[in-house]
Amino acid sequence: MIKVERGRYVAAVLTIIRAFMAAESPRKADPINGYAQYCAMIRDPLIWLGCDDPCATMEEIRKQDSRLAATQQVAAQWLGAFGEQGHSAAAIVEHVNRRAYVQ
C-alpha cells in the first residue's frame, strides 16, 4: 500500500513541513545534539500537529540496551580509575597489573 501510494505520502509530508514553516516554525522541543535539522524539519512539525514526540521513546530504548549499559559501566570504571586525564596504553596495562582483584 505504501509503495502504491508513495506520491500521496510524500506530498502529505511536504505539505506538513510547508505548513509548519508558514507558521514560522514554532520550536516545540529542544533539539537533540547533532540532530537539529531533523528536529526542525521532522520532529517539531509532528509535535506541532499534535502527534507524540517521535524521540520520547529514546530514553526507554536506552534503558533496555544491554550494550549501552555495558559501555556506560566501562566508562564509569575508567573514569574512577584514571580520571579525565589521557593515559598511554602502557600506563593502563601497568595500572591494571598492579591492582589486586577480589574473586
PDB file of N, CA and C in Angstrom:
ATOM      1  N   MET A   1       0.829  -1.194   0.000  1.00  0.00           N
ATOM      2  CA  MET A   1       0.000   0.000   0.000  1.00  0.00           C
ATOM      3  C   MET A   1       0.872   1.255   0.000  1.00  0.00           C
ATOM      4  N   ILE A   2       1.917   1.248   0.829  1.00  0.00           N
ATOM      5  CA  ILE A   2       2.777   2.432   0.909  1.00  0.00           C
ATOM      6  C   ILE A   2       3.443   2.702  -0.437  1.00  0.00           C
ATOM      7  N   LYS A   3       3.962   1.641  -1.070  1.00  0.00           N
ATOM      8  CA  LYS A   3       4.617   1.815  -2.368  1.00  0.00           C
ATOM      9  C   LYS A   3       3.638   2.350  -3.405  1.00  0.00           C
ATOM     10  N   VAL A   4       2.437   1.828  -3.397  1.00  0.00           N
ATOM     11  CA  VAL A   4       1.429   2.249  -4.373  1.00  0.00           C
ATOM     12  C   VAL A   4       1.056   3.714  -4.159  1.00  0.00           C
ATOM     13  N   GLU A   5       0.955   4.125  -2.917  1.00  0.00           N
ATOM     14  CA  GLU A   5       0.505   5.485  -2.582  1.00  0.00           C
ATOM     15  C   GLU A   5       1.677   6.415  -2.215  1.00  0.00           C
ATOM     16  N   ARG A   6       2.893   6.015  -2.571  1.00  0.00           N
ATOM     17  CA  ARG A   6       4.088   6.778  -2.168  1.00  0.00           C
ATOM     18  C   ARG A   6       3.967   8.274  -2.484  1.00  0.00           C
ATOM     19  N   GLY A   7       3.524   8.608  -3.665  1.00  0.00           N
ATOM     20  CA  GLY A   7       3.399  10.006  -4.078  1.00  0.00           C
ATOM     21  C   GLY A   7       2.496  10.811  -3.156  1.00  0.00           C
ATOM     22  N   ARG A   8       1.394  10.206  -2.745  1.00  0.00           N
ATOM     23  CA  ARG A   8       0.468  10.893  -1.839  1.00  0.00           C
ATOM     24  C   ARG A   8       1.111  11.124  -0.472  1.00  0.00           C
ATOM     25  N   TYR A   9       1.872  10.105   0.009  1.00  0.00           N
ATOM     26  CA  TYR A   9       2.544  10.245   1.315  1.00  0.00           C
ATOM     27  C   TYR A   9       3.620  11.318   1.267  1.00  0.00           C
ATOM     28  N   VAL A  10       4.398  11.323   0.205  1.00  0.00           N
ATOM     29  CA  VAL A  10       5.448  12.341   0.059  1.00  0.00           C
ATOM     30  C   VAL A  10       4.809  13.728  -0.001  1.00  0.00           C
ATOM     31  N   ALA A  11       3.748  13.871  -0.753  1.00  0.00           N
ATOM     32  CA  ALA A  11       3.058  15.165  -0.849  1.00  0.00           C
ATOM     33  C   ALA A  11       2.520  15.593   0.515  1.00  0.00           C
ATOM     34  N   ALA A  12       1.976  14.647   1.269  1.00  0.00           N
ATOM     35  CA  ALA A  12       1.446  14.974   2.602  1.00  0.00           C
ATOM     36  C   ALA A  12       2.569  15.431   3.537  1.00  0.00           C
ATOM     37  N   VAL A  13       3.681  14.730   3.507  1.00  0.00           N
ATOM     38  CA  VAL A  13       4.819  15.107   4.365  1.00  0.00           C
ATOM     39  C   VAL A  13       5.313  16.496   4.005  1.00  0.00           C
ATOM     40  N   LEU A  14       5.468  16.762   2.726  1.00  0.00           N
ATOM     41  CA  LEU A  14       5.937  18.085   2.301  1.00  0.00           C
ATOM     42  C   LEU A  14       4.923  19.173   2.654  1.00  0.00           C
ATOM     43  N   THR A  15       3.646  18.851   2.585  1.00  0.00           N
ATOM     44  CA  THR A  15       2.604  19.811   2.971  1.00  0.00           C
ATOM     45  C   THR A  15       2.690  20.134   4.458  1.00  0.00           C
ATOM     46  N   ILE A  16       2.907  19.118   5.269  1.00  0.00           N
ATOM     47  CA  ILE A  16       3.050  19.331   6.722  1.00  0.00           C
ATOM     48  C   ILE A  16       4.240  20.227   7.011  1.00  0.00           C
ATOM     49  N   ILE A  17       5.372  19.924   6.388  1.00  0.00           N
ATOM     50  CA  ILE A  17       6.580  20.731   6.626  1.00  0.00           C
ATOM     51  C   ILE A  17       6.361  22.162   6.155  1.00  0.00           C
ATOM     52  N   ARG A  18       5.730  22.329   5.000  1.00  0.00           N
ATOM     53  CA  ARG A  18       5.470  23.680   4.466  1.00  0.00           C
ATOM     54  C   ARG A  18       4.522  24.449   5.381  1.00  0.00           C
ATOM     55  N   ALA A  19       3.494  23.815   5.880  1.00  0.00           N
ATOM     56  CA  ALA A  19       2.553  24.484   6.788  1.00  0.00           C
ATOM     57  C   ALA A  19       3.263  24.903   8.074  1.00  0.00           C
ATOM     58  N   PHE A  20       4.138  24.037   8.556  1.00  0.00           N
ATOM     59  CA  PHE A  20       4.918  24.344   9.759  1.00  0.00           C
ATOM     60  C   PHE A  20       5.799  25.568   9.509  1.00  0.00           C
ATOM     61  N   MET A  21       6.442  25.596   8.346  1.00  0.00           N
ATOM     62  CA  MET A  21       7.296  26.744   8.010  1.00  0.00           C
ATOM     63  C   MET A  21       6.459  28.015   7.850  1.00  0.00           C
ATOM     64  N   ALA A  22       5.271  27.892   7.270  1.00  0.00           N
ATOM     65  CA  ALA A  22       4.384  29.053   7.112  1.00  0.00           C
ATOM     66  C   ALA A  22       3.928  29.584   8.460  1.00  0.00           C
ATOM     67  N   ALA A  23       3.881  28.716   9.457  1.00  0.00           N
ATOM     68  CA  ALA A  23       3.513  29.129  10.819  1.00  0.00           C
ATOM     69  C   ALA A  23       4.735  29.656  11.569  1.00  0.00           C
ATOM     70  N   GLU A  24       5.791  29.951  10.800  1.00  0.00           N
ATOM     71  CA  GLU A  24       7.051  30.497  11.336  1.00  0.00           C
ATOM     72  C   GLU A  24       7.783  29.502  12.221  1.00  0.00           C
ATOM     73  N   SER A  25       7.647  28.232  11.919  1.00  0.00           N
ATOM     74  CA  SER A  25       8.399  27.147  12.556  1.00  0.00           C
ATOM     75  C   SER A  25       8.506  27.280  14.073  1.00  0.00           C
ATOM     76  N   PRO A  26       7.367  27.258  14.763  1.00  0.00           N
ATOM     77  CA  PRO A  26       7.438  27.392  16.219  1.00  0.00           C
ATOM     78  C   PRO A  26       8.190  26.213  16.848  1.00  0.00           C
ATOM     79  N   ARG A  27       9.196  26.525  17.640  1.00  0.00           N
ATOM     80  CA  ARG A  27      10.015  25.485  18.293  1.00  0.00           C
ATOM     81  C   ARG A  27       9.141  24.732  19.274  1.00  0.00           C
ATOM     82  N   LYS A  28       9.116  23.424  19.168  1.00  0.00           N
ATOM     83  CA  LYS A  28       8.272  22.593  20.019  1.00  0.00           C
ATOM     84  C   LYS A  28       9.077  21.779  21.025  1.00  0.00           C
ATOM     85  N   ALA A  29      10.330  21.500  20.706  1.00  0.00           N
ATOM     86  CA  ALA A  29      11.157  20.691  21.604  1.00  0.00           C
ATOM     87  C   ALA A  29      12.611  21.131  21.457  1.00  0.00           C
ATOM     88  N   ASP A  30      13.381  20.936  22.496  1.00  0.00           N
ATOM     89  CA  ASP A  30      14.801  21.240  22.398  1.00  0.00           C
ATOM     90  C   ASP A  30      15.437  20.283  21.403  1.00  0.00           C
ATOM     91  N   PRO A  31      16.276  20.808  20.503  1.00  0.00           N
ATOM     92  CA  PRO A  31      16.899  19.908  19.529  1.00  0.00           C
ATOM     93  C   PRO A  31      17.856  18.928  20.209  1.00  0.00           C
ATOM     94  N   ILE A  32      17.973  17.774  19.614  1.00  0.00           N
ATOM     95  CA  ILE A  32      18.896  16.750  20.105  1.00  0.00           C
ATOM     96  C   ILE A  32      20.253  17.039  19.488  1.00  0.00           C
ATOM     97  N   ASN A  33      21.302  16.971  20.289  1.00  0.00           N
ATOM     98  CA  ASN A  33      22.657  17.244  19.795  1.00  0.00           C
ATOM     99  C   ASN A  33      22.935  16.487  18.504  1.00  0.00           C
ATOM    100  N   GLY A  34      23.365  17.216  17.502  1.00  0.00           N
ATOM    101  CA  GLY A  34      23.703  16.609  16.225  1.00  0.00           C
ATOM    102  C   GLY A  34      22.508  16.377  15.310  1.00  0.00           C
ATOM    103  N   TYR A  35      21.304  16.620  15.812  1.00  0.00           N
ATOM    104  CA  TYR A  35      20.102  16.363  15.019  1.00  0.00           C
ATOM    105  C   TYR A  35      19.197  17.592  14.956  1.00  0.00           C
ATOM    106  N   ALA A  36      19.781  18.757  14.991  1.00  0.00           N
ATOM    107  CA  ALA A  36      18.990  19.991  14.982  1.00  0.00           C
ATOM    108  C   ALA A  36      18.147  20.109  13.714  1.00  0.00           C
ATOM    109  N   GLN A  37      18.714  19.754  12.567  1.00  0.00           N
ATOM    110  CA  GLN A  37      17.960  19.863  11.316  1.00  0.00           C
ATOM    111  C   GLN A  37      16.807  18.856  11.285  1.00  0.00           C
ATOM    112  N   TYR A  38      17.053  17.641  11.773  1.00  0.00           N
ATOM    113  CA  TYR A  38      15.979  16.637  11.862  1.00  0.00           C
ATOM    114  C   TYR A  38      14.862  17.172  12.757  1.00  0.00           C
ATOM    115  N   CYS A  39      15.236  17.727  13.903  1.00  0.00           N
ATOM    116  CA  CYS A  39      14.227  18.235  14.835  1.00  0.00           C
ATOM    117  C   CYS A  39      13.423  19.372  14.202  1.00  0.00           C
ATOM    118  N   ALA A  40      14.109  20.252  13.481  1.00  0.00           N
ATOM    119  CA  ALA A  40      13.431  21.401  12.881  1.00  0.00           C
ATOM    120  C   ALA A  40      12.511  21.007  11.728  1.00  0.00           C
ATOM    121  N   MET A  41      12.876  19.971  10.974  1.00  0.00           N
ATOM    122  CA  MET A  41      12.107  19.628   9.780  1.00  0.00           C
ATOM    123  C   MET A  41      11.165  18.432   9.945  1.00  0.00           C
ATOM    124  N   ILE A  42      11.381  17.601  10.948  1.00  0.00           N
ATOM    125  CA  ILE A  42      10.551  16.407  11.119  1.00  0.00           C
ATOM    126  C   ILE A  42       9.886  16.382  12.493  1.00  0.00           C
ATOM    127  N   ARG A  43      10.705  16.433  13.519  1.00  0.00           N
ATOM    128  CA  ARG A  43      10.191  16.279  14.885  1.00  0.00           C
ATOM    129  C   ARG A  43       9.247  17.412  15.277  1.00  0.00           C
ATOM    130  N   ASP A  44       9.698  18.648  15.139  1.00  0.00           N
ATOM    131  CA  ASP A  44       8.866  19.785  15.550  1.00  0.00           C
ATOM    132  C   ASP A  44       7.551  19.869  14.776  1.00  0.00           C
ATOM    133  N   PRO A  45       7.550  19.656  13.436  1.00  0.00           N
ATOM    134  CA  PRO A  45       6.252  19.670  12.738  1.00  0.00           C
ATOM    135  C   PRO A  45       5.287  18.600  13.244  1.00  0.00           C
ATOM    136  N   LEU A  46       5.806  17.411  13.581  1.00  0.00           N
ATOM    137  CA  LEU A  46       4.924  16.363  14.095  1.00  0.00           C
ATOM    138  C   LEU A  46       4.336  16.748  15.450  1.00  0.00           C
ATOM    139  N   ILE A  47       5.163  17.303  16.316  1.00  0.00           N
ATOM    140  CA  ILE A  47       4.664  17.750  17.632  1.00  0.00           C
ATOM    141  C   ILE A  47       3.666  18.882  17.432  1.00  0.00           C
ATOM    142  N   TRP A  48       3.974  19.789  16.521  1.00  0.00           N
ATOM    143  CA  TRP A  48       3.092  20.915  16.203  1.00  0.00           C
ATOM    144  C   TRP A  48       1.724  20.420  15.745  1.00  0.00           C
ATOM    145  N   LEU A  49       1.690  19.289  15.040  1.00  0.00           N
ATOM    146  CA  LEU A  49       0.417  18.709  14.586  1.00  0.00           C
ATOM    147  C   LEU A  49      -0.362  18.041  15.715  1.00  0.00           C
ATOM    148  N   GLY A  50       0.290  17.832  16.856  1.00  0.00           N
ATOM    149  CA  GLY A  50      -0.375  17.158  17.961  1.00  0.00           C
ATOM    150  C   GLY A  50       0.007  15.688  18.082  1.00  0.00           C
ATOM    151  N   CYS A  51       0.967  15.249  17.262  1.00  0.00           N
ATOM    152  CA  CYS A  51       1.449  13.860  17.352  1.00  0.00           C
ATOM    153  C   CYS A  51       2.376  13.728  18.559  1.00  0.00           C
ATOM    154  N   ASP A  52       2.571  12.504  19.004  1.00  0.00           N
ATOM    155  CA  ASP A  52       3.531  12.252  20.069  1.00  0.00           C
ATOM    156  C   ASP A  52       4.935  12.590  19.586  1.00  0.00           C
ATOM    157  N   ASP A  53       5.775  13.010  20.498  1.00  0.00           N
ATOM    158  CA  ASP A  53       7.169  13.301  20.184  1.00  0.00           C
ATOM    159  C   ASP A  53       7.835  12.003  19.715  1.00  0.00           C
ATOM    160  N   PRO A  54       8.337  11.953  18.477  1.00  0.00           N
ATOM    161  CA  PRO A  54       8.943  10.719  17.988  1.00  0.00           C
ATOM    162  C   PRO A  54      10.217  10.334  18.744  1.00  0.00           C
ATOM    163  N   CYS A  55      10.779  11.246  19.514  1.00  0.00           N
ATOM    164  CA  CYS A  55      12.002  10.955  20.269  1.00  0.00           C
ATOM    165  C   CYS A  55      11.721  10.601  21.732  1.00  0.00           C
ATOM    166  N   ALA A  56      10.463  10.608  22.122  1.00  0.00           N
ATOM    167  CA  ALA A  56      10.107  10.367  23.527  1.00  0.00           C
ATOM    168  C   ALA A  56      10.487   8.972  23.999  1.00  0.00           C
ATOM    169  N   THR A  57      10.529   8.030  23.104  1.00  0.00           N
ATOM    170  CA  THR A  57      10.848   6.654  23.494  1.00  0.00           C
ATOM    171  C   THR A  57      12.344   6.380  23.552  1.00  0.00           C
ATOM    172  N   MET A  58      13.163   7.340  23.161  1.00  0.00           N
ATOM    173  CA  MET A  58      14.613   7.115  23.112  1.00  0.00           C
ATOM    174  C   MET A  58      15.190   6.704  24.463  1.00  0.00           C
ATOM    175  N   GLU A  59      14.784   7.363  25.532  1.00  0.00           N
ATOM    176  CA  GLU A  59      15.333   7.053  26.855  1.00  0.00           C
ATOM    177  C   GLU A  59      14.954   5.642  27.288  1.00  0.00           C
ATOM    178  N   GLU A  60      13.728   5.228  27.006  1.00  0.00           N
ATOM    179  CA  GLU A  60      13.301   3.871  27.353  1.00  0.00           C
ATOM    180  C   GLU A  60      14.105   2.848  26.563  1.00  0.00           C
ATOM    181  N   ILE A  61      14.332   3.129  25.305  1.00  0.00           N
ATOM    182  CA  ILE A  61      15.135   2.224  24.477  1.00  0.00           C
ATOM    183  C   ILE A  61      16.563   2.143  25.015  1.00  0.00           C
ATOM    184  N   ARG A  62      17.108   3.272  25.428  1.00  0.00           N
ATOM    185  CA  ARG A  62      18.463   3.277  26.003  1.00  0.00           C
ATOM    186  C   ARG A  62      18.532   2.409  27.256  1.00  0.00           C
ATOM    187  N   LYS A  63      17.499   2.469  28.075  1.00  0.00           N
ATOM    188  CA  LYS A  63      17.480   1.671  29.307  1.00  0.00           C
ATOM    189  C   LYS A  63      17.485   0.175  29.001  1.00  0.00           C
ATOM    190  N   GLN A  64      16.928  -0.219  27.875  1.00  0.00           N
ATOM    191  CA  GLN A  64      16.838  -1.623  27.504  1.00  0.00           C
ATOM    192  C   GLN A  64      18.043  -2.107  26.696  1.00  0.00           C
ATOM    193  N   ASP A  65      18.969  -1.211  26.374  1.00  0.00           N
ATOM    194  CA  ASP A  65      20.121  -1.545  25.535  1.00  0.00           C
ATOM    195  C   ASP A  65      21.256  -2.083  26.403  1.00  0.00           C
ATOM    196  N   SER A  66      21.449  -3.402  26.395  1.00  0.00           N
ATOM    197  CA  SER A  66      22.467  -4.012  27.255  1.00  0.00           C
ATOM    198  C   SER A  66      23.877  -3.606  26.842  1.00  0.00           C
ATOM    199  N   ARG A  67      24.109  -3.397  25.553  1.00  0.00           N
ATOM    200  CA  ARG A  67      25.441  -2.956  25.115  1.00  0.00           C
ATOM    201  C   ARG A  67      25.741  -1.553  25.608  1.00  0.00           C
ATOM    202  N   LEU A  68      24.756  -0.671  25.543  1.00  0.00           N
ATOM    203  CA  LEU A  68      24.947   0.683  26.045  1.00  0.00           C
ATOM    204  C   LEU A  68      25.207   0.659  27.543  1.00  0.00           C
ATOM    205  N   ALA A  69      24.471  -0.171  28.276  1.00  0.00           N
ATOM    206  CA  ALA A  69      24.681  -0.279  29.726  1.00  0.00           C
ATOM    207  C   ALA A  69      26.086  -0.761  30.029  1.00  0.00           C
ATOM    208  N   ALA A  70      26.565  -1.740  29.282  1.00  0.00           N
ATOM    209  CA  ALA A  70      27.924  -2.254  29.491  1.00  0.00           C
ATOM    210  C   ALA A  70      28.950  -1.170  29.177  1.00  0.00           C
ATOM    211  N   THR A  71      28.738  -0.431  28.108  1.00  0.00           N
ATOM    212  CA  THR A  71      29.651   0.653  27.739  1.00  0.00           C
ATOM    213  C   THR A  71      29.673   1.728  28.825  1.00  0.00           C
ATOM    214  N   GLN A  72      28.508   2.054  29.370  1.00  0.00           N
ATOM    215  CA  GLN A  72      28.440   3.054  30.434  1.00  0.00           C
ATOM    216  C   GLN A  72      29.153   2.569  31.688  1.00  0.00           C
ATOM    217  N   GLN A  73      29.048   1.281  31.992  1.00  0.00           N
ATOM    218  CA  GLN A  73      29.747   0.730  33.156  1.00  0.00           C
ATOM    219  C   GLN A  73      31.258   0.791  32.960  1.00  0.00           C
ATOM    220  N   VAL A  74      31.722   0.439  31.773  1.00  0.00           N
ATOM    221  CA  VAL A  74      33.158   0.527  31.481  1.00  0.00           C
ATOM    222  C   VAL A  74      33.627   1.971  31.594  1.00  0.00           C
ATOM    223  N   ALA A  75      32.863   2.899  31.045  1.00  0.00           N
ATOM    224  CA  ALA A  75      33.239   4.308  31.107  1.00  0.00           C
ATOM    225  C   ALA A  75      33.291   4.800  32.551  1.00  0.00           C
ATOM    226  N   ALA A  76      32.346   4.388  33.372  1.00  0.00           N
ATOM    227  CA  ALA A  76      32.334   4.797  34.784  1.00  0.00           C
ATOM    228  C   ALA A  76      33.554   4.232  35.514  1.00  0.00           C
ATOM    229  N   GLN A  77      33.881   2.965  35.258  1.00  0.00           N
ATOM    230  CA  GLN A  77      35.048   2.354  35.886  1.00  0.00           C
ATOM    231  C   GLN A  77      36.335   3.035  35.418  1.00  0.00           C
ATOM    232  N   TRP A  78      36.392   3.324  34.145  1.00  0.00           N
ATOM    233  CA  TRP A  78      37.556   4.006  33.568  1.00  0.00           C
ATOM    234  C   TRP A  78      37.742   5.367  34.228  1.00  0.00           C
ATOM    235  N   LEU A  79      36.658   6.118  34.334  1.00  0.00           N
ATOM    236  CA  LEU A  79      36.721   7.438  34.959  1.00  0.00           C
ATOM    237  C   LEU A  79      37.171   7.321  36.411  1.00  0.00           C
ATOM    238  N   GLY A  80      36.656   6.331  37.126  1.00  0.00           N
ATOM    239  CA  GLY A  80      37.057   6.126  38.514  1.00  0.00           C
ATOM    240  C   GLY A  80      38.524   5.765  38.649  1.00  0.00           C
ATOM    241  N   ALA A  81      39.031   4.986  37.725  1.00  0.00           N
ATOM    242  CA  ALA A  81      40.424   4.530  37.806  1.00  0.00           C
ATOM    243  C   ALA A  81      41.409   5.560  37.278  1.00  0.00           C
ATOM    244  N   PHE A  82      41.054   6.256  36.212  1.00  0.00           N
ATOM    245  CA  PHE A  82      42.022   7.122  35.538  1.00  0.00           C
ATOM    246  C   PHE A  82      41.647   8.595  35.507  1.00  0.00           C
ATOM    247  N   GLY A  83      40.452   8.932  35.939  1.00  0.00           N
ATOM    248  CA  GLY A  83      40.033  10.330  35.870  1.00  0.00           C
ATOM    249  C   GLY A  83      39.864  10.767  34.429  1.00  0.00           C
ATOM    250  N   GLU A  84      39.946  12.042  34.199  1.00  0.00           N
ATOM    251  CA  GLU A  84      39.739  12.575  32.856  1.00  0.00           C
ATOM    252  C   GLU A  84      41.040  12.816  32.108  1.00  0.00           C
ATOM    253  N   GLN A  85      42.154  12.453  32.699  1.00  0.00           N
ATOM    254  CA  GLN A  85      43.447  12.634  32.040  1.00  0.00           C
ATOM    255  C   GLN A  85      43.671  11.543  31.001  1.00  0.00           C
ATOM    256  N   GLY A  86      44.425  11.869  29.971  1.00  0.00           N
ATOM    257  CA  GLY A  86      44.800  10.879  28.979  1.00  0.00           C
ATOM    258  C   GLY A  86      45.921  10.001  29.524  1.00  0.00           C
ATOM    259  N   HIS A  87      45.945   8.757  29.125  1.00  0.00           N
ATOM    260  CA  HIS A  87      46.983   7.815  29.553  1.00  0.00           C
ATOM    261  C   HIS A  87      47.403   6.968  28.361  1.00  0.00           C
ATOM    262  N   SER A  88      48.653   6.577  28.351  1.00  0.00           N
ATOM    263  CA  SER A  88      49.127   5.685  27.300  1.00  0.00           C
ATOM    264  C   SER A  88      48.644   4.269  27.588  1.00  0.00           C
ATOM    265  N   ALA A  89      48.649   3.437  26.567  1.00  0.00           N
ATOM    266  CA  ALA A  89      48.263   2.035  26.735  1.00  0.00           C
ATOM    267  C   ALA A  89      49.202   1.356  27.731  1.00  0.00           C
ATOM    268  N   ALA A  90      50.495   1.676  27.669  1.00  0.00           N
ATOM    269  CA  ALA A  90      51.466   1.076  28.587  1.00  0.00           C
ATOM    270  C   ALA A  90      51.145   1.441  30.036  1.00  0.00           C
ATOM    271  N   ALA A  91      50.752   2.693  30.284  1.00  0.00           N
ATOM    272  CA  ALA A  91      50.412   3.121  31.639  1.00  0.00           C
ATOM    273  C   ALA A  91      49.159   2.405  32.137  1.00  0.00           C
ATOM    274  N   ILE A  92      48.225   2.173  31.263  1.00  0.00           N
ATOM    275  CA  ILE A  92      46.994   1.472  31.645  1.00  0.00           C
ATOM    276  C   ILE A  92      47.302   0.016  31.987  1.00  0.00           C
ATOM    277  N   VAL A  93      48.109  -0.636  31.151  1.00  0.00           N
ATOM    278  CA  VAL A  93      48.486  -2.025  31.424  1.00  0.00           C
ATOM    279  C   VAL A  93      49.218  -2.116  32.754  1.00  0.00           C
ATOM    280  N   GLU A  94      50.123  -1.182  32.999  1.00  0.00           N
ATOM    281  CA  GLU A  94      50.866  -1.165  34.271  1.00  0.00           C
ATOM    282  C   GLU A  94      49.901  -0.997  35.448  1.00  0.00           C
ATOM    283  N   HIS A  95      48.948  -0.102  35.312  1.00  0.00           N
ATOM    284  CA  HIS A  95      47.964   0.132  36.367  1.00  0.00           C
ATOM    285  C   HIS A  95      47.151  -1.138  36.643  1.00  0.00           C
ATOM    286  N   VAL A  96      46.685  -1.780  35.577  1.00  0.00           N
ATOM    287  CA  VAL A  96      45.875  -2.995  35.719  1.00  0.00           C
ATOM    288  C   VAL A  96      46.701  -4.100  36.378  1.00  0.00           C
ATOM    289  N   ASN A  97      47.940  -4.252  35.982  1.00  0.00           N
ATOM    290  CA  ASN A  97      48.789  -5.295  36.547  1.00  0.00           C
ATOM    291  C   ASN A  97      49.101  -5.077  38.023  1.00  0.00           C
ATOM    292  N   ARG A  98      49.057  -3.842  38.486  1.00  0.00           N
ATOM    293  CA  ARG A  98      49.330  -3.531  39.899  1.00  0.00           C
ATOM    294  C   ARG A  98      48.114  -3.784  40.784  1.00  0.00           C
ATOM    295  N   ARG A  99      46.935  -3.765  40.232  1.00  0.00           N
ATOM    296  CA  ARG A  99      45.707  -3.892  41.027  1.00  0.00           C
ATOM    297  C   ARG A  99      45.533  -5.304  41.562  1.00  0.00           C
ATOM    298  N   ALA A 100      45.007  -5.378  42.748  1.00  0.00           N
ATOM    299  CA  ALA A 100      44.660  -6.689  43.340  1.00  0.00           C
ATOM    300  C   ALA A 100      43.153  -6.871  43.158  1.00  0.00           C
ATOM    301  N   TYR A 101      42.779  -7.939  42.498  1.00  0.00           N
ATOM    302  CA  TYR A 101      41.366  -8.184  42.237  1.00  0.00           C
ATOM    303  C   TYR A 101      40.817  -9.216  43.201  1.00  0.00           C
ATOM    304  N   VAL A 102      39.611  -8.966  43.653  1.00  0.00           N
ATOM    305  CA  VAL A 102      38.926  -9.896  44.554  1.00  0.00           C
ATOM    306  C   VAL A 102      38.065 -10.805  43.687  1.00  0.00           C
ATOM    307  N   GLN A 103      38.181 -12.114  43.909  1.00  0.00           N
ATOM    308  CA  GLN A 103      37.376 -13.048  43.101  1.00  0.00           C
ATOM    309  C   GLN A 103      36.334 -13.709  43.937  1.00  0.00           C
TER     310      GLN A 103
END
